[in-house]
Protein backbone atom coordinates (compact mmCIF):
# COMPACT_ATOMS: atom_id res chain seq x y z
CA MET A 1 -25.66 2.65 -5.97
CA ALA A 2 -22.14 2.68 -4.49
CA ARG A 3 -19.24 2.17 -6.81
CA HIS A 4 -17.61 -1.20 -6.38
CA ASN A 5 -14.34 0.28 -5.24
CA GLU A 6 -15.60 3.13 -3.11
CA LEU A 7 -14.40 1.42 0.06
CA GLY A 8 -10.98 0.85 -1.50
CA ASP A 9 -10.73 4.51 -2.54
CA LYS A 10 -11.74 5.63 0.94
CA GLY A 11 -9.19 3.25 2.47
CA GLU A 12 -6.46 4.57 0.21
CA GLN A 13 -7.25 8.16 1.17
CA LEU A 14 -7.20 7.20 4.87
CA ALA A 15 -3.83 5.51 4.34
CA VAL A 16 -2.42 8.63 2.63
CA ASP A 17 -3.72 10.87 5.44
CA TYR A 18 -2.19 8.51 7.99
CA LEU A 19 1.18 8.53 6.17
CA LEU A 20 1.24 12.32 5.89
CA LYS A 21 0.46 12.62 9.60
CA ASN A 22 3.40 10.33 10.31
CA SER A 23 5.96 12.38 8.32
CA TYR A 24 5.93 10.35 5.13
CA LYS A 25 6.16 12.17 1.83
CA ILE A 26 3.78 10.87 -0.84
CA ILE A 27 5.72 10.39 -4.09
CA ALA A 28 3.11 8.66 -6.25
CA ARG A 29 -0.34 7.10 -6.12
CA ASN A 30 -1.63 4.26 -8.28
CA TYR A 31 1.67 3.84 -10.09
CA ARG A 32 1.30 1.30 -12.88
CA PHE A 33 3.94 -0.85 -14.49
CA LEU A 34 3.00 -3.78 -16.73
CA LYS A 35 0.40 -5.73 -14.75
CA ALA A 36 1.27 -4.21 -11.40
CA GLU A 37 -0.23 -1.26 -9.65
CA ILE A 38 1.30 0.21 -6.53
CA ASP A 39 -1.30 1.96 -4.40
CA VAL A 40 1.07 4.44 -2.80
CA ILE A 41 4.78 5.17 -3.08
CA ALA A 42 6.04 7.19 -0.15
CA GLN A 43 9.36 8.32 1.20
CA LYS A 44 10.60 8.71 4.73
CA GLU A 45 14.19 9.79 5.25
CA GLN A 46 16.30 7.75 2.81
CA VAL A 47 13.77 4.95 2.38
CA LEU A 48 11.36 4.58 -0.52
CA ILE A 49 8.28 2.66 0.53
CA CYS A 50 5.91 0.68 -1.65
CA ILE A 51 2.60 0.60 0.17
CA GLU A 52 -0.16 -1.82 -0.60
CA VAL A 53 -3.43 -0.64 0.91
CA LYS A 54 -5.95 -3.31 1.79
CA THR A 55 -9.39 -2.24 2.95
CA ARG A 56 -12.01 -4.66 4.21
CA SER A 57 -15.35 -4.24 5.87
CA SER A 58 -15.10 -7.53 7.73
CA VAL A 59 -12.51 -10.03 8.88
CA ASP A 60 -14.73 -12.98 7.98
CA PHE A 61 -12.40 -13.95 5.16
CA GLY A 62 -9.16 -13.41 7.02
CA SER A 63 -7.24 -10.24 7.70
CA PRO A 64 -6.61 -7.73 4.90
CA GLN A 65 -2.93 -8.59 4.62
CA ASP A 66 -3.81 -12.21 3.84
CA PHE A 67 -4.91 -11.09 0.38
CA ILE A 68 -1.39 -10.59 -0.96
CA ASN A 69 0.07 -13.63 -2.65
CA PRO A 70 3.61 -14.35 -3.88
CA LYS A 71 2.62 -13.52 -7.48
CA LYS A 72 1.36 -10.10 -6.38
CA ILE A 73 4.56 -9.54 -4.41
CA LYS A 74 6.65 -10.32 -7.50
CA LEU A 75 4.63 -7.80 -9.53
CA LEU A 76 5.04 -5.11 -6.87
CA VAL A 77 8.78 -5.77 -6.64
CA SER A 78 9.24 -5.42 -10.41
CA ALA A 79 7.12 -2.26 -10.46
CA MET A 80 9.21 -0.74 -7.67
CA ASP A 81 12.44 -1.70 -9.45
CA ASN A 82 11.14 0.07 -12.54
CA PHE A 83 10.09 3.16 -10.55
CA VAL A 84 13.54 3.42 -8.96
CA ILE A 85 15.30 3.09 -12.34
CA GLU A 86 12.87 5.44 -14.13
CA ASN A 87 13.42 8.13 -11.51
CA ASP A 88 17.13 7.45 -11.05
CA LEU A 89 16.73 7.05 -7.30
CA ASP A 90 19.36 5.78 -4.93
CA LEU A 91 17.25 4.82 -1.96
CA GLU A 92 16.63 1.75 0.10
CA VAL A 93 13.26 0.21 -0.76
CA ARG A 94 10.80 -1.20 1.74
CA PHE A 95 7.44 -2.87 1.23
CA ASP A 96 4.65 -2.07 3.66
CA ILE A 97 1.01 -2.99 3.92
CA ILE A 98 -1.55 -0.67 5.41
CA ALA A 99 -4.54 -2.73 6.42
CA ILE A 100 -7.74 -0.83 7.00
CA LEU A 101 -10.70 -2.45 8.61
CA LYS A 102 -14.05 -0.70 8.51
CA GLN A 103 -16.21 -1.53 11.50
CA LYS A 104 -19.55 0.24 11.61
CA ASN A 105 -18.53 3.88 11.12
CA ALA A 106 -14.99 3.60 12.40
CA PHE A 107 -11.82 2.66 10.57
CA GLN A 108 -9.00 0.79 12.20
CA ILE A 109 -5.57 1.25 10.59
CA GLU A 110 -2.75 -1.21 10.93
CA HIS A 111 0.64 -0.38 9.39
CA LEU A 112 2.80 -3.42 8.71
CA LYS A 113 6.33 -2.33 7.92
CA ASP A 114 8.62 -4.61 5.90
CA ALA A 115 5.49 -6.65 5.34
CA PHE A 116 6.85 -9.03 2.73
CA LEU A 117 9.40 -10.41 5.14
CA HIS A 118 6.45 -12.08 6.82
CA PHE A 119 5.66 -14.25 3.80
């Protein structure tokens, strides 16, 4: 039987591959702070990017990015603040969502930059 989060793991790996292909440097994966977990922390030039990966196998319940609520955003923001302080970084921080939709055997990747500005 498939593990419950196999699709999520696959989506996260696809997101990381996509980021690497697009000149992002992966800094951390599954970074935890208090109740928050950041899927991927990446860097491109002088910007540190918190990336929430959302993988779905159907759009029946809305698009993947619709699954992030204000409470989740607050948690991600505090986790990123902590990461920046912990690592003594002086970088601009951006929040992105990588939405991955699995359709039959193909994956469609959508990268929403500065995603939380849309909420």
